[in-house]
């Protein structure tokens, strides 16, 4: 059949279910990005040194992740060294 149409109705529903889940995840990431940018406001800089008027953000989304590199590190991988 087609790209998202399977041989049976069940296959088609499953395929479209995956599409809906993927779109929901994309929307969630975009919303989180916008919220993070709004929270940073004028403290956002491309340079590693903070601006003179910048303050450390500890509320909002930054309670959970303060550095984008920390989000990339898998914390619960078997065999990962615990420090």
PDB file of N, CA and C in Angstrom:
ATOM      1  N   UNK A   1       0.829  -1.192   0.000  1.00  0.00           N
ATOM      2  CA  UNK A   1       0.000   0.000   0.000  1.00  0.00           C
ATOM      3  C   UNK A   1       0.869   1.249   0.000  1.00  0.00           C
ATOM      4  N   UNK A   2       0.300   2.307   0.537  1.00  0.00           N
ATOM      5  CA  UNK A   2       0.988   3.592   0.546  1.00  0.00           C
ATOM      6  C   UNK A   2       1.999   3.717   1.671  1.00  0.00           C
ATOM      7  N   UNK A   3       2.499   4.915   1.830  1.00  0.00           N
ATOM      8  CA  UNK A   3       3.535   5.191   2.815  1.00  0.00           C
ATOM      9  C   UNK A   3       3.053   4.930   4.240  1.00  0.00           C
ATOM     10  N   UNK A   4       1.861   5.396   4.577  1.00  0.00           N
ATOM     11  CA  UNK A   4       1.330   5.195   5.924  1.00  0.00           C
ATOM     12  C   UNK A   4       0.106   4.298   5.932  1.00  0.00           C
ATOM     13  N   UNK A   5      -0.136   3.641   4.850  1.00  0.00           N
ATOM     14  CA  UNK A   5      -1.247   2.709   4.783  1.00  0.00           C
ATOM     15  C   UNK A   5      -0.719   1.292   4.728  1.00  0.00           C
ATOM     16  N   UNK A   6      -1.072   0.503   5.710  1.00  0.00           N
ATOM     17  CA  UNK A   6      -0.611  -0.877   5.750  1.00  0.00           C
ATOM     18  C   UNK A   6      -1.547  -1.796   4.997  1.00  0.00           C
ATOM     19  N   UNK A   7      -1.276  -3.069   5.105  1.00  0.00           N
ATOM     20  CA  UNK A   7      -2.117  -4.063   4.450  1.00  0.00           C
ATOM     21  C   UNK A   7      -3.465  -4.192   5.145  1.00  0.00           C
ATOM     22  N   UNK A   8      -3.475  -3.899   6.449  1.00  0.00           N
ATOM     23  CA  UNK A   8      -4.729  -3.996   7.199  1.00  0.00           C
ATOM     24  C   UNK A   8      -5.011  -2.669   7.877  1.00  0.00           C
ATOM     25  N   UNK A   9      -6.216  -2.538   8.374  1.00  0.00           N
ATOM     26  CA  UNK A   9      -6.591  -1.325   9.105  1.00  0.00           C
ATOM     27  C   UNK A   9      -5.728  -1.161  10.345  1.00  0.00           C
ATOM     28  N   UNK A  10      -5.418  -2.267  10.999  1.00  0.00           N
ATOM     29  CA  UNK A  10      -4.589  -2.232  12.213  1.00  0.00           C
ATOM     30  C   UNK A  10      -3.212  -1.656  11.910  1.00  0.00           C
ATOM     31  N   UNK A  11      -2.587  -2.074  10.814  1.00  0.00           N
ATOM     32  CA  UNK A  11      -1.272  -1.559  10.436  1.00  0.00           C
ATOM     33  C   UNK A  11      -1.326  -0.060  10.145  1.00  0.00           C
ATOM     34  N   UNK A  12      -2.388   0.368   9.484  1.00  0.00           N
ATOM     35  CA  UNK A  12      -2.544   1.789   9.174  1.00  0.00           C
ATOM     36  C   UNK A  12      -2.715   2.610  10.448  1.00  0.00           C
ATOM     37  N   UNK A  13      -3.513   2.125  11.377  1.00  0.00           N
ATOM     38  CA  UNK A  13      -3.731   2.847  12.635  1.00  0.00           C
ATOM     39  C   UNK A  13      -2.441   2.938  13.430  1.00  0.00           C
ATOM     40  N   UNK A  14      -1.677   1.856  13.459  1.00  0.00           N
ATOM     41  CA  UNK A  14      -0.399   1.866  14.180  1.00  0.00           C
ATOM     42  C   UNK A  14       0.561   2.867  13.544  1.00  0.00           C
ATOM     43  N   UNK A  15       0.631   2.882  12.220  1.00  0.00           N
ATOM     44  CA  UNK A  15       1.527   3.810  11.527  1.00  0.00           C
ATOM     45  C   UNK A  15       1.149   5.260  11.827  1.00  0.00           C
ATOM     46  N   UNK A  16      -0.145   5.575  11.751  1.00  0.00           N
ATOM     47  CA  UNK A  16      -0.588   6.940  12.047  1.00  0.00           C
ATOM     48  C   UNK A  16      -0.425   7.270  13.528  1.00  0.00           C
ATOM     49  N   UNK A  17      -0.500   6.274  14.385  1.00  0.00           N
ATOM     50  CA  UNK A  17      -0.249   6.494  15.808  1.00  0.00           C
ATOM     51  C   UNK A  17       1.179   6.962  16.047  1.00  0.00           C
ATOM     52  N   UNK A  18       2.122   6.338  15.355  1.00  0.00           N
ATOM     53  CA  UNK A  18       3.514   6.766  15.468  1.00  0.00           C
ATOM     54  C   UNK A  18       3.699   8.186  14.953  1.00  0.00           C
ATOM     55  N   UNK A  19       3.014   8.549  13.896  1.00  0.00           N
ATOM     56  CA  UNK A  19       3.100   9.906  13.363  1.00  0.00           C
ATOM     57  C   UNK A  19       2.588  10.908  14.392  1.00  0.00           C
ATOM     58  N   UNK A  20       1.477  10.599  15.026  1.00  0.00           N
ATOM     59  CA  UNK A  20       0.902  11.500  16.030  1.00  0.00           C
ATOM     60  C   UNK A  20       1.846  11.657  17.216  1.00  0.00           C
ATOM     61  N   UNK A  21       2.439  10.551  17.676  1.00  0.00           N
ATOM     62  CA  UNK A  21       3.376  10.613  18.804  1.00  0.00           C
ATOM     63  C   UNK A  21       4.602  11.451  18.435  1.00  0.00           C
ATOM     64  N   UNK A  22       5.122  11.273  17.237  1.00  0.00           N
ATOM     65  CA  UNK A  22       6.286  12.043  16.815  1.00  0.00           C
ATOM     66  C   UNK A  22       5.964  13.529  16.729  1.00  0.00           C
ATOM     67  N   UNK A  23       4.813  13.875  16.187  1.00  0.00           N
ATOM     68  CA  UNK A  23       4.425  15.281  16.120  1.00  0.00           C
ATOM     69  C   UNK A  23       4.236  15.876  17.510  1.00  0.00           C
ATOM     70  N   UNK A  24       3.676  15.101  18.432  1.00  0.00           N
ATOM     71  CA  UNK A  24       3.501  15.589  19.804  1.00  0.00           C
ATOM     72  C   UNK A  24       4.859  15.841  20.461  1.00  0.00           C
ATOM     73  N   UNK A  25       5.817  14.965  20.220  1.00  0.00           N
ATOM     74  CA  UNK A  25       7.157  15.170  20.777  1.00  0.00           C
ATOM     75  C   UNK A  25       7.826  16.406  20.186  1.00  0.00           C
ATOM     76  N   UNK A  26       7.664  16.618  18.905  1.00  0.00           N
ATOM     77  CA  UNK A  26       8.238  17.801  18.260  1.00  0.00           C
ATOM     78  C   UNK A  26       7.630  19.066  18.855  1.00  0.00           C
ATOM     79  N   UNK A  27       6.322  19.090  19.028  1.00  0.00           N
ATOM     80  CA  UNK A  27       5.652  20.257  19.614  1.00  0.00           C
ATOM     81  C   UNK A  27       6.138  20.481  21.044  1.00  0.00           C
ATOM     82  N   UNK A  28       6.286  19.405  21.825  1.00  0.00           N
ATOM     83  CA  UNK A  28       6.746  19.534  23.202  1.00  0.00           C
ATOM     84  C   UNK A  28       8.160  20.119  23.262  1.00  0.00           C
ATOM     85  N   UNK A  29       9.037  19.684  22.379  1.00  0.00           N
ATOM     86  CA  UNK A  29      10.403  20.212  22.356  1.00  0.00           C
ATOM     87  C   UNK A  29      10.406  21.690  21.971  1.00  0.00           C
ATOM     88  N   UNK A  30       9.605  22.060  20.997  1.00  0.00           N
ATOM     89  CA  UNK A  30       9.535  23.463  20.581  1.00  0.00           C
ATOM     90  C   UNK A  30       8.994  24.326  21.724  1.00  0.00           C
ATOM     91  N   UNK A  31       7.975  23.846  22.415  1.00  0.00           N
ATOM     92  CA  UNK A  31       7.425  24.602  23.550  1.00  0.00           C
ATOM     93  C   UNK A  31       8.476  24.764  24.646  1.00  0.00           C
ATOM     94  N   UNK A  32       9.202  23.683  24.962  1.00  0.00           N
ATOM     95  CA  UNK A  32      10.260  23.778  25.972  1.00  0.00           C
ATOM     96  C   UNK A  32      11.354  24.755  25.556  1.00  0.00           C
ATOM     97  N   UNK A  33      11.703  24.755  24.290  1.00  0.00           N
ATOM     98  CA  UNK A  33      12.709  25.682  23.792  1.00  0.00           C
ATOM     99  C   UNK A  33      12.254  27.124  23.933  1.00  0.00           C
ATOM    100  N   UNK A  34      11.024  27.397  23.578  1.00  0.00           N
ATOM    101  CA  UNK A  34      10.489  28.756  23.687  1.00  0.00           C
ATOM    102  C   UNK A  34      10.432  29.196  25.149  1.00  0.00           C
ATOM    103  N   UNK A  35       9.971  28.302  26.035  1.00  0.00           N
ATOM    104  CA  UNK A  35       9.911  28.640  27.452  1.00  0.00           C
ATOM    105  C   UNK A  35      11.307  28.931  27.998  1.00  0.00           C
ATOM    106  N   UNK A  36      12.283  28.125  27.601  1.00  0.00           N
ATOM    107  CA  UNK A  36      13.655  28.340  28.062  1.00  0.00           C
ATOM    108  C   UNK A  36      14.198  29.674  27.563  1.00  0.00           C
ATOM    109  N   UNK A  37      13.949  30.004  26.313  1.00  0.00           N
ATOM    110  CA  UNK A  37      14.432  31.271  25.771  1.00  0.00           C
ATOM    111  C   UNK A  37      13.754  32.463  26.434  1.00  0.00           C
ATOM    112  N   UNK A  38      12.471  32.338  26.725  1.00  0.00           N
ATOM    113  CA  UNK A  38      11.760  33.426  27.397  1.00  0.00           C
ATOM    114  C   UNK A  38      12.298  33.600  28.817  1.00  0.00           C
ATOM    115  N   UNK A  39      12.585  32.496  29.500  1.00  0.00           N
ATOM    116  CA  UNK A  39      13.126  32.585  30.858  1.00  0.00           C
ATOM    117  C   UNK A  39      14.518  33.202  30.883  1.00  0.00           C
ATOM    118  N   UNK A  40      15.323  32.916  29.862  1.00  0.00           N
ATOM    119  CA  UNK A  40      16.661  33.493  29.824  1.00  0.00           C
ATOM    120  C   UNK A  40      16.628  34.986  29.531  1.00  0.00           C
ATOM    121  N   UNK A  41      15.686  35.413  28.701  1.00  0.00           N
ATOM    122  CA  UNK A  41      15.498  36.826  28.389  1.00  0.00           C
ATOM    123  C   UNK A  41      16.804  37.450  27.923  1.00  0.00           C
ATOM    124  N   UNK A  42      17.304  38.474  28.605  1.00  0.00           N
ATOM    125  CA  UNK A  42      18.513  39.166  28.155  1.00  0.00           C
ATOM    126  C   UNK A  42      19.782  38.518  28.674  1.00  0.00           C
ATOM    127  N   UNK A  43      19.676  37.470  29.469  1.00  0.00           N
ATOM    128  CA  UNK A  43      20.868  36.780  29.963  1.00  0.00           C
ATOM    129  C   UNK A  43      21.460  35.848  28.912  1.00  0.00           C
ATOM    130  N   UNK A  44      20.762  35.641  27.821  1.00  0.00           N
ATOM    131  CA  UNK A  44      21.234  34.745  26.767  1.00  0.00           C
ATOM    132  C   UNK A  44      22.372  35.407  26.003  1.00  0.00           C
ATOM    133  N   UNK A  45      23.494  34.706  25.898  1.00  0.00           N
ATOM    134  CA  UNK A  45      24.639  35.211  25.158  1.00  0.00           C
ATOM    135  C   UNK A  45      25.326  34.058  24.448  1.00  0.00           C
ATOM    136  N   UNK A  46      25.965  34.359  23.331  1.00  0.00           N
ATOM    137  CA  UNK A  46      26.698  33.339  22.589  1.00  0.00           C
ATOM    138  C   UNK A  46      28.094  33.140  23.162  1.00  0.00           C
ATOM    139  N   UNK A  47      28.513  34.038  24.013  1.00  0.00           N
ATOM    140  CA  UNK A  47      29.838  33.961  24.599  1.00  0.00           C
ATOM    141  C   UNK A  47      29.807  33.144  25.888  1.00  0.00           C
ATOM    142  N   UNK A  48      30.927  32.500  26.234  1.00  0.00           N
ATOM    143  CA  UNK A  48      30.934  31.699  27.459  1.00  0.00           C
ATOM    144  C   UNK A  48      30.929  32.536  28.729  1.00  0.00           C
ATOM    145  N   UNK A  49      31.318  33.782  28.640  1.00  0.00           N
ATOM    146  CA  UNK A  49      31.289  34.639  29.828  1.00  0.00           C
ATOM    147  C   UNK A  49      29.926  35.285  29.948  1.00  0.00           C
ATOM    148  N   UNK A  50      29.389  35.369  31.164  1.00  0.00           N
ATOM    149  CA  UNK A  50      28.059  35.964  31.326  1.00  0.00           C
ATOM    150  C   UNK A  50      28.091  37.477  31.101  1.00  0.00           C
ATOM    151  N   UNK A  51      26.956  38.011  30.751  1.00  0.00           N
ATOM    152  CA  UNK A  51      26.848  39.452  30.600  1.00  0.00           C
ATOM    153  C   UNK A  51      26.922  40.100  31.978  1.00  0.00           C
ATOM    154  N   UNK A  52      27.271  41.369  32.060  1.00  0.00           N
ATOM    155  CA  UNK A  52      27.431  42.015  33.372  1.00  0.00           C
ATOM    156  C   UNK A  52      26.163  41.997  34.229  1.00  0.00           C
ATOM    157  N   UNK A  53      25.011  42.058  33.626  1.00  0.00           N
ATOM    158  CA  UNK A  53      23.760  42.114  34.393  1.00  0.00           C
ATOM    159  C   UNK A  53      23.097  40.745  34.546  1.00  0.00           C
ATOM    160  N   UNK A  54      23.769  39.689  34.105  1.00  0.00           N
ATOM    161  CA  UNK A  54      23.171  38.346  34.130  1.00  0.00           C
ATOM    162  C   UNK A  54      23.126  37.793  35.555  1.00  0.00           C
ATOM    163  N   UNK A  55      22.115  36.979  35.809  1.00  0.00           N
ATOM    164  CA  UNK A  55      22.006  36.284  37.088  1.00  0.00           C
ATOM    165  C   UNK A  55      21.864  34.796  36.816  1.00  0.00           C
ATOM    166  N   UNK A  56      22.243  33.984  37.793  1.00  0.00           N
ATOM    167  CA  UNK A  56      22.120  32.543  37.646  1.00  0.00           C
ATOM    168  C   UNK A  56      20.657  32.148  37.726  1.00  0.00           C
ATOM    169  N   UNK A  57      20.191  31.465  36.718  1.00  0.00           N
ATOM    170  CA  UNK A  57      18.792  31.027  36.693  1.00  0.00           C
ATOM    171  C   UNK A  57      18.666  29.707  37.426  1.00  0.00           C
ATOM    172  N   UNK A  58      17.876  29.660  38.476  1.00  0.00           N
ATOM    173  CA  UNK A  58      17.690  28.430  39.241  1.00  0.00           C
ATOM    174  C   UNK A  58      16.230  28.023  39.329  1.00  0.00           C
ATOM    175  N   UNK A  59      15.341  28.780  38.708  1.00  0.00           N
ATOM    176  CA  UNK A  59      13.926  28.453  38.743  1.00  0.00           C
ATOM    177  C   UNK A  59      13.443  27.991  37.380  1.00  0.00           C
ATOM    178  N   UNK A  60      12.203  27.629  37.302  1.00  0.00           N
ATOM    179  CA  UNK A  60      11.613  27.192  36.042  1.00  0.00           C
ATOM    180  C   UNK A  60      12.233  25.894  35.567  1.00  0.00           C
ATOM    181  N   UNK A  61      12.498  25.814  34.272  1.00  0.00           N
ATOM    182  CA  UNK A  61      13.103  24.613  33.707  1.00  0.00           C
ATOM    183  C   UNK A  61      14.522  24.395  34.201  1.00  0.00           C
ATOM    184  N   UNK A  62      15.177  25.451  34.626  1.00  0.00           N
ATOM    185  CA  UNK A  62      16.568  25.354  35.030  1.00  0.00           C
ATOM    186  C   UNK A  62      16.745  24.727  36.410  1.00  0.00           C
ATOM    187  N   UNK A  63      15.647  24.410  37.084  1.00  0.00           N
ATOM    188  CA  UNK A  63      15.740  23.612  38.312  1.00  0.00           C
ATOM    189  C   UNK A  63      16.190  22.204  37.973  1.00  0.00           C
ATOM    190  N   UNK A  64      15.818  21.736  36.791  1.00  0.00           N
ATOM    191  CA  UNK A  64      16.068  20.351  36.408  1.00  0.00           C
ATOM    192  C   UNK A  64      17.351  20.192  35.598  1.00  0.00           C
ATOM    193  N   UNK A  65      17.594  21.067  34.664  1.00  0.00           N
ATOM    194  CA  UNK A  65      18.780  20.994  33.816  1.00  0.00           C
ATOM    195  C   UNK A  65      19.363  22.386  33.714  1.00  0.00           C
ATOM    196  N   UNK A  66      20.585  22.529  34.179  1.00  0.00           N
ATOM    197  CA  UNK A  66      21.217  23.850  34.124  1.00  0.00           C
ATOM    198  C   UNK A  66      22.209  23.960  32.979  1.00  0.00           C
ATOM    199  N   UNK A  67      22.676  22.845  32.494  1.00  0.00           N
ATOM    200  CA  UNK A  67      23.644  22.868  31.405  1.00  0.00           C
ATOM    201  C   UNK A  67      23.187  21.898  30.331  1.00  0.00           C
ATOM    202  N   UNK A  68      23.187  22.344  29.106  1.00  0.00           N
ATOM    203  CA  UNK A  68      22.655  21.501  28.035  1.00  0.00           C
ATOM    204  C   UNK A  68      23.454  20.224  27.862  1.00  0.00           C
ATOM    205  N   UNK A  69      24.728  20.230  28.246  1.00  0.00           N
ATOM    206  CA  UNK A  69      25.532  19.020  28.160  1.00  0.00           C
ATOM    207  C   UNK A  69      25.074  17.959  29.139  1.00  0.00           C
ATOM    208  N   UNK A  70      24.511  18.380  30.259  1.00  0.00           N
ATOM    209  CA  UNK A  70      24.043  17.423  31.260  1.00  0.00           C
ATOM    210  C   UNK A  70      22.854  16.623  30.739  1.00  0.00           C
ATOM    211  N   UNK A  71      22.095  17.179  29.840  1.00  0.00           N
ATOM    212  CA  UNK A  71      20.942  16.479  29.294  1.00  0.00           C
ATOM    213  C   UNK A  71      21.372  15.377  28.332  1.00  0.00           C
ATOM    214  N   UNK A  72      22.565  15.489  27.770  1.00  0.00           N
ATOM    215  CA  UNK A  72      23.031  14.505  26.804  1.00  0.00           C
ATOM    216  C   UNK A  72      23.661  13.282  27.458  1.00  0.00           C
ATOM    217  N   UNK A  73      24.053  13.404  28.701  1.00  0.00           N
ATOM    218  CA  UNK A  73      24.746  12.302  29.365  1.00  0.00           C
ATOM    219  C   UNK A  73      23.721  11.329  29.928  1.00  0.00           C
ATOM    220  N   UNK A  74      23.734  10.095  29.462  1.00  0.00           N
ATOM    221  CA  UNK A  74      22.793   9.121  30.035  1.00  0.00           C
ATOM    222  C   UNK A  74      23.211   8.773  31.457  1.00  0.00           C
ATOM    223  N   UNK A  75      22.304   8.937  32.396  1.00  0.00           N
ATOM    224  CA  UNK A  75      22.641   8.746  33.799  1.00  0.00           C
ATOM    225  C   UNK A  75      22.357   7.339  34.305  1.00  0.00           C
ATOM    226  N   UNK A  76      21.539   6.596  33.628  1.00  0.00           N
ATOM    227  CA  UNK A  76      21.144   5.302  34.146  1.00  0.00           C
ATOM    228  C   UNK A  76      21.542   4.162  33.209  1.00  0.00           C
ATOM    229  N   UNK A  77      22.681   4.308  32.555  1.00  0.00           N
ATOM    230  CA  UNK A  77      23.175   3.266  31.669  1.00  0.00           C
ATOM    231  C   UNK A  77      23.883   2.218  32.523  1.00  0.00           C
ATOM    232  N   UNK A  78      23.580   0.938  32.335  1.00  0.00           N
ATOM    233  CA  UNK A  78      24.280  -0.100  33.108  1.00  0.00           C
ATOM    234  C   UNK A  78      25.785  -0.033  32.868  1.00  0.00           C
ATOM    235  N   UNK A  79      26.536  -0.058  33.935  1.00  0.00           N
ATOM    236  CA  UNK A  79      27.972   0.001  33.825  1.00  0.00           C
ATOM    237  C   UNK A  79      28.530   1.400  33.804  1.00  0.00           C
ATOM    238  N   UNK A  80      27.687   2.423  33.807  1.00  0.00           N
ATOM    239  CA  UNK A  80      28.155   3.798  33.817  1.00  0.00           C
ATOM    240  C   UNK A  80      28.793   4.080  35.175  1.00  0.00           C
ATOM    241  N   UNK A  81      30.016   4.634  35.205  1.00  0.00           N
ATOM    242  CA  UNK A  81      30.673   4.864  36.494  1.00  0.00           C
ATOM    243  C   UNK A  81      29.908   5.892  37.341  1.00  0.00           C
ATOM    244  N   UNK A  82      29.669   5.551  38.581  1.00  0.00           N
ATOM    245  CA  UNK A  82      28.966   6.451  39.498  1.00  0.00           C
ATOM    246  C   UNK A  82      30.000   7.252  40.278  1.00  0.00           C
ATOM    247  N   UNK A  83      29.777   8.540  40.368  1.00  0.00           N
ATOM    248  CA  UNK A  83      30.735   9.379  41.103  1.00  0.00           C
ATOM    249  C   UNK A  83      30.074   9.963  42.317  1.00  0.00           C
TER     250      UNK A  83
END
